PDB file of all heavy atoms in Angstrom:
ATOM      1  N   VAL A   1     162.697 -44.352 113.637  1.00  0.00           N
ATOM      2  CA  VAL A   1     161.411 -43.967 114.395  1.00  0.00           C
ATOM      3  C   VAL A   1     160.287 -43.852 113.368  1.00  0.00           C
ATOM      4  O   VAL A   1     160.387 -43.004 112.423  1.00  0.00           O
ATOM      5  CB  VAL A   1     161.595 -42.676 115.212  1.00  0.00           C
ATOM      6  CG1 VAL A   1     160.324 -42.349 115.890  1.00  0.00           C
ATOM      7  CG2 VAL A   1     162.755 -42.900 116.209  1.00  0.00           C
ATOM      8  N   GLN A   2     159.201 -44.500 113.600  1.00  0.00           N
ATOM      9  CA  GLN A   2     157.975 -44.412 112.744  1.00  0.00           C
ATOM     10  C   GLN A   2     156.990 -43.363 113.176  1.00  0.00           C
ATOM     11  O   GLN A   2     156.316 -42.834 112.424  1.00  0.00           O
ATOM     12  CB  GLN A   2     157.449 -45.747 112.557  1.00  0.00           C
ATOM     13  CG  GLN A   2     158.385 -46.784 111.945  1.00  0.00           C
ATOM     14  CD  GLN A   2     157.765 -48.127 111.785  1.00  0.00           C
ATOM     15  OE1 GLN A   2     157.370 -48.527 110.696  1.00  0.00           O
ATOM     16  NE2 GLN A   2     157.673 -48.876 112.905  1.00  0.00           N
ATOM     17  N   LEU A   3     156.901 -43.217 114.533  1.00  0.00           N
ATOM     18  CA  LEU A   3     156.029 -42.174 115.128  1.00  0.00           C
ATOM     19  C   LEU A   3     156.796 -41.399 116.103  1.00  0.00           C
ATOM     20  O   LEU A   3     157.448 -41.860 116.982  1.00  0.00           O
ATOM     21  CB  LEU A   3     154.789 -42.924 115.844  1.00  0.00           C
ATOM     22  CG  LEU A   3     153.957 -43.801 115.020  1.00  0.00           C
ATOM     23  CD1 LEU A   3     152.899 -44.458 115.887  1.00  0.00           C
ATOM     24  CD2 LEU A   3     153.254 -42.990 113.866  1.00  0.00           C
ATOM     25  N   VAL A   4     156.675 -40.067 116.000  1.00  0.00           N
ATOM     26  CA  VAL A   4     157.394 -39.094 116.891  1.00  0.00           C
ATOM     27  C   VAL A   4     156.404 -38.386 117.766  1.00  0.00           C
ATOM     28  O   VAL A   4     155.563 -37.592 117.147  1.00  0.00           O
ATOM     29  CB  VAL A   4     158.332 -38.135 116.114  1.00  0.00           C
ATOM     30  CG1 VAL A   4     159.070 -37.183 117.048  1.00  0.00           C
ATOM     31  CG2 VAL A   4     159.288 -38.928 115.226  1.00  0.00           C
ATOM     32  N   GLU A   5     156.471 -38.577 119.057  1.00  0.00           N
ATOM     33  CA  GLU A   5     155.640 -37.881 120.000  1.00  0.00           C
ATOM     34  C   GLU A   5     156.281 -36.741 120.684  1.00  0.00           C
ATOM     35  O   GLU A   5     157.474 -36.692 120.880  1.00  0.00           O
ATOM     36  CB  GLU A   5     155.110 -38.916 120.984  1.00  0.00           C
ATOM     37  CG  GLU A   5     154.398 -40.151 120.475  1.00  0.00           C
ATOM     38  CD  GLU A   5     154.533 -41.283 121.358  1.00  0.00           C
ATOM     39  OE1 GLU A   5     155.624 -41.496 121.979  1.00  0.00           O
ATOM     40  OE2 GLU A   5     153.555 -42.067 121.461  1.00  0.00           O
ATOM     41  N   SER A   6     155.471 -35.733 120.976  1.00  0.00           N
ATOM     42  CA  SER A   6     155.903 -34.587 121.732  1.00  0.00           C
ATOM     43  C   SER A   6     154.788 -33.945 122.553  1.00  0.00           C
ATOM     44  O   SER A   6     153.662 -34.182 122.263  1.00  0.00           O
ATOM     45  CB  SER A   6     156.563 -33.556 120.798  1.00  0.00           C
ATOM     46  OG  SER A   6     155.608 -33.006 119.921  1.00  0.00           O
ATOM     47  N   GLY A   7     155.193 -33.161 123.572  1.00  0.00           N
ATOM     48  CA  GLY A   7     154.223 -32.411 124.282  1.00  0.00           C
ATOM     49  C   GLY A   7     153.892 -32.861 125.680  1.00  0.00           C
ATOM     50  O   GLY A   7     153.183 -32.211 126.384  1.00  0.00           O
ATOM     51  N   GLY A   8     154.519 -34.037 126.091  1.00  0.00           N
ATOM     52  CA  GLY A   8     154.294 -34.440 127.501  1.00  0.00           C
ATOM     53  C   GLY A   8     155.022 -33.575 128.423  1.00  0.00           C
ATOM     54  O   GLY A   8     155.817 -32.725 128.094  1.00  0.00           O
ATOM     55  N   GLY A   9     154.584 -33.674 129.739  1.00  0.00           N
ATOM     56  CA  GLY A   9     155.246 -32.879 130.733  1.00  0.00           C
ATOM     57  C   GLY A   9     154.468 -32.883 132.085  1.00  0.00           C
ATOM     58  O   GLY A   9     153.633 -33.714 132.285  1.00  0.00           O
ATOM     59  N   LEU A  10     154.770 -31.959 132.856  1.00  0.00           N
ATOM     60  CA  LEU A  10     154.125 -31.715 134.244  1.00  0.00           C
ATOM     61  C   LEU A  10     153.286 -30.590 134.184  1.00  0.00           C
ATOM     62  O   LEU A  10     153.667 -29.458 133.747  1.00  0.00           O
ATOM     63  CB  LEU A  10     155.221 -31.662 135.314  1.00  0.00           C
ATOM     64  CG  LEU A  10     154.792 -31.361 136.690  1.00  0.00           C
ATOM     65  CD1 LEU A  10     154.033 -32.498 137.235  1.00  0.00           C
ATOM     66  CD2 LEU A  10     155.969 -31.008 137.561  1.00  0.00           C
ATOM     67  N   VAL A  11     152.049 -30.751 134.651  1.00  0.00           N
ATOM     68  CA  VAL A  11     151.070 -29.632 134.737  1.00  0.00           C
ATOM     69  C   VAL A  11     150.235 -29.826 136.021  1.00  0.00           C
ATOM     70  O   VAL A  11     150.019 -30.849 136.526  1.00  0.00           O
ATOM     71  CB  VAL A  11     150.220 -29.639 133.534  1.00  0.00           C
ATOM     72  CG1 VAL A  11     149.348 -30.896 133.449  1.00  0.00           C
ATOM     73  CG2 VAL A  11     149.295 -28.375 133.448  1.00  0.00           C
ATOM     74  N   GLN A  12     149.790 -28.579 136.529  1.00  0.00           N
ATOM     75  CA  GLN A  12     148.853 -28.674 137.723  1.00  0.00           C
ATOM     76  C   GLN A  12     147.487 -29.016 137.308  1.00  0.00           C
ATOM     77  O   GLN A  12     147.081 -28.835 136.138  1.00  0.00           O
ATOM     78  CB  GLN A  12     148.969 -27.320 138.431  1.00  0.00           C
ATOM     79  CG  GLN A  12     150.303 -26.873 139.050  1.00  0.00           C
ATOM     80  CD  GLN A  12     150.265 -25.571 139.716  1.00  0.00           C
ATOM     81  OE1 GLN A  12     149.224 -24.943 139.781  1.00  0.00           O
ATOM     82  NE2 GLN A  12     151.354 -25.174 140.392  1.00  0.00           N
ATOM     83  N   ALA A  13     146.758 -29.538 138.273  1.00  0.00           N
ATOM     84  CA  ALA A  13     145.372 -29.915 138.058  1.00  0.00           C
ATOM     85  C   ALA A  13     144.634 -28.677 137.582  1.00  0.00           C
ATOM     86  O   ALA A  13     144.790 -27.574 138.045  1.00  0.00           O
ATOM     87  CB  ALA A  13     144.744 -30.443 139.334  1.00  0.00           C
ATOM     88  N   GLY A  14     143.774 -28.906 136.602  1.00  0.00           N
ATOM     89  CA  GLY A  14     143.023 -27.786 135.971  1.00  0.00           C
ATOM     90  C   GLY A  14     143.732 -27.152 134.786  1.00  0.00           C
ATOM     91  O   GLY A  14     143.069 -26.380 134.058  1.00  0.00           O
ATOM     92  N   GLY A  15     144.958 -27.503 134.611  1.00  0.00           N
ATOM     93  CA  GLY A  15     145.660 -26.900 133.509  1.00  0.00           C
ATOM     94  C   GLY A  15     145.474 -27.610 132.167  1.00  0.00           C
ATOM     95  O   GLY A  15     144.679 -28.535 132.098  1.00  0.00           O
ATOM     96  N   SER A  16     146.289 -27.282 131.177  1.00  0.00           N
ATOM     97  CA  SER A  16     146.077 -27.801 129.879  1.00  0.00           C
ATOM     98  C   SER A  16     147.495 -28.223 129.299  1.00  0.00           C
ATOM     99  O   SER A  16     148.533 -27.727 129.736  1.00  0.00           O
ATOM    100  CB  SER A  16     145.513 -26.740 128.861  1.00  0.00           C
ATOM    101  OG  SER A  16     144.196 -26.321 129.318  1.00  0.00           O
ATOM    102  N   LEU A  17     147.378 -29.104 128.348  1.00  0.00           N
ATOM    103  CA  LEU A  17     148.562 -29.654 127.729  1.00  0.00           C
ATOM    104  C   LEU A  17     148.229 -30.104 126.364  1.00  0.00           C
ATOM    105  O   LEU A  17     147.049 -30.532 126.099  1.00  0.00           O
ATOM    106  CB  LEU A  17     149.133 -30.813 128.545  1.00  0.00           C
ATOM    107  CG  LEU A  17     150.697 -31.135 128.506  1.00  0.00           C
ATOM    108  CD1 LEU A  17     151.446 -29.902 128.865  1.00  0.00           C
ATOM    109  CD2 LEU A  17     150.941 -32.328 129.259  1.00  0.00           C
ATOM    110  N   ARG A  18     149.127 -30.064 125.397  1.00  0.00           N
ATOM    111  CA  ARG A  18     148.888 -30.534 124.069  1.00  0.00           C
ATOM    112  C   ARG A  18     149.958 -31.552 123.654  1.00  0.00           C
ATOM    113  O   ARG A  18     151.091 -31.294 123.707  1.00  0.00           O
ATOM    114  CB  ARG A  18     148.837 -29.421 123.094  1.00  0.00           C
ATOM    115  CG  ARG A  18     148.493 -29.797 121.610  1.00  0.00           C
ATOM    116  CD  ARG A  18     148.254 -28.702 120.624  1.00  0.00           C
ATOM    117  NE  ARG A  18     149.528 -28.047 120.242  1.00  0.00           N
ATOM    118  CZ  ARG A  18     149.610 -27.110 119.331  1.00  0.00           C
ATOM    119  NH1 ARG A  18     148.538 -26.725 118.636  1.00  0.00           N
ATOM    120  NH2 ARG A  18     150.758 -26.542 119.108  1.00  0.00           N
ATOM    121  N   LEU A  19     149.377 -32.662 123.231  1.00  0.00           N
ATOM    122  CA  LEU A  19     150.276 -33.779 122.661  1.00  0.00           C
ATOM    123  C   LEU A  19     150.176 -33.792 121.105  1.00  0.00           C
ATOM    124  O   LEU A  19     149.166 -33.554 120.547  1.00  0.00           O
ATOM    125  CB  LEU A  19     149.830 -35.107 123.158  1.00  0.00           C
ATOM    126  CG  LEU A  19     149.791 -35.279 124.732  1.00  0.00           C
ATOM    127  CD1 LEU A  19     149.426 -36.719 125.027  1.00  0.00           C
ATOM    128  CD2 LEU A  19     151.142 -34.916 125.343  1.00  0.00           C
ATOM    129  N   SER A  20     151.327 -34.043 120.528  1.00  0.00           N
ATOM    130  CA  SER A  20     151.326 -34.239 119.017  1.00  0.00           C
ATOM    131  C   SER A  20     152.081 -35.449 118.681  1.00  0.00           C
ATOM    132  O   SER A  20     153.014 -35.914 119.362  1.00  0.00           O
ATOM    133  CB  SER A  20     151.907 -32.937 118.408  1.00  0.00           C
ATOM    134  OG  SER A  20     153.224 -32.790 118.762  1.00  0.00           O
ATOM    135  N   CYS A  21     151.734 -36.005 117.485  1.00  0.00           N
ATOM    136  CA  CYS A  21     152.420 -37.162 117.000  1.00  0.00           C
ATOM    137  C   CYS A  21     152.474 -37.048 115.485  1.00  0.00           C
ATOM    138  O   CYS A  21     151.495 -36.793 114.855  1.00  0.00           O
ATOM    139  CB  CYS A  21     151.659 -38.457 117.425  1.00  0.00           C
ATOM    140  SG  CYS A  21     152.288 -39.915 116.736  1.00  0.00           S
ATOM    141  N   ALA A  22     153.684 -37.283 114.979  1.00  0.00           N
ATOM    142  CA  ALA A  22     153.905 -37.141 113.578  1.00  0.00           C
ATOM    143  C   ALA A  22     154.339 -38.613 113.006  1.00  0.00           C
ATOM    144  O   ALA A  22     155.218 -39.213 113.563  1.00  0.00           O
ATOM    145  CB  ALA A  22     155.016 -36.150 113.187  1.00  0.00           C
ATOM    146  N   ALA A  23     153.634 -39.042 111.952  1.00  0.00           N
ATOM    147  CA  ALA A  23     153.975 -40.321 111.362  1.00  0.00           C
ATOM    148  C   ALA A  23     155.105 -40.143 110.272  1.00  0.00           C
ATOM    149  O   ALA A  23     155.310 -39.161 109.695  1.00  0.00           O
ATOM    150  CB  ALA A  23     152.723 -40.929 110.676  1.00  0.00           C
ATOM    151  N   SER A  24     155.855 -41.198 110.207  1.00  0.00           N
ATOM    152  CA  SER A  24     156.944 -41.246 109.220  1.00  0.00           C
ATOM    153  C   SER A  24     156.385 -41.014 107.784  1.00  0.00           C
ATOM    154  O   SER A  24     155.271 -41.428 107.464  1.00  0.00           O
ATOM    155  CB  SER A  24     157.718 -42.570 109.229  1.00  0.00           C
ATOM    156  OG  SER A  24     158.532 -42.779 108.174  1.00  0.00           O
ATOM    157  N   ARG A  25     157.201 -40.397 106.963  1.00  0.00           N
ATOM    158  CA  ARG A  25     156.814 -40.144 105.498  1.00  0.00           C
ATOM    159  C   ARG A  25     156.595 -41.463 104.864  1.00  0.00           C
ATOM    160  O   ARG A  25     155.915 -41.525 103.757  1.00  0.00           O
ATOM    161  CB  ARG A  25     157.878 -39.345 104.854  1.00  0.00           C
ATOM    162  CG  ARG A  25     158.004 -37.930 105.367  1.00  0.00           C
ATOM    163  CD  ARG A  25     159.153 -37.207 104.646  1.00  0.00           C
ATOM    164  NE  ARG A  25     158.901 -37.158 103.289  1.00  0.00           N
ATOM    165  CZ  ARG A  25     159.831 -36.664 102.374  1.00  0.00           C
ATOM    166  NH1 ARG A  25     161.051 -36.293 102.800  1.00  0.00           N
ATOM    167  NH2 ARG A  25     159.573 -36.590 101.037  1.00  0.00           N
TER     168      ARG A  25
END
């Protein structure tokens, strides 16, 4: 894996969410 994503999910309208992605060394 060259890019690792995290933070997706289910949220209600008006809510907040944070996505992150880490690149391979």
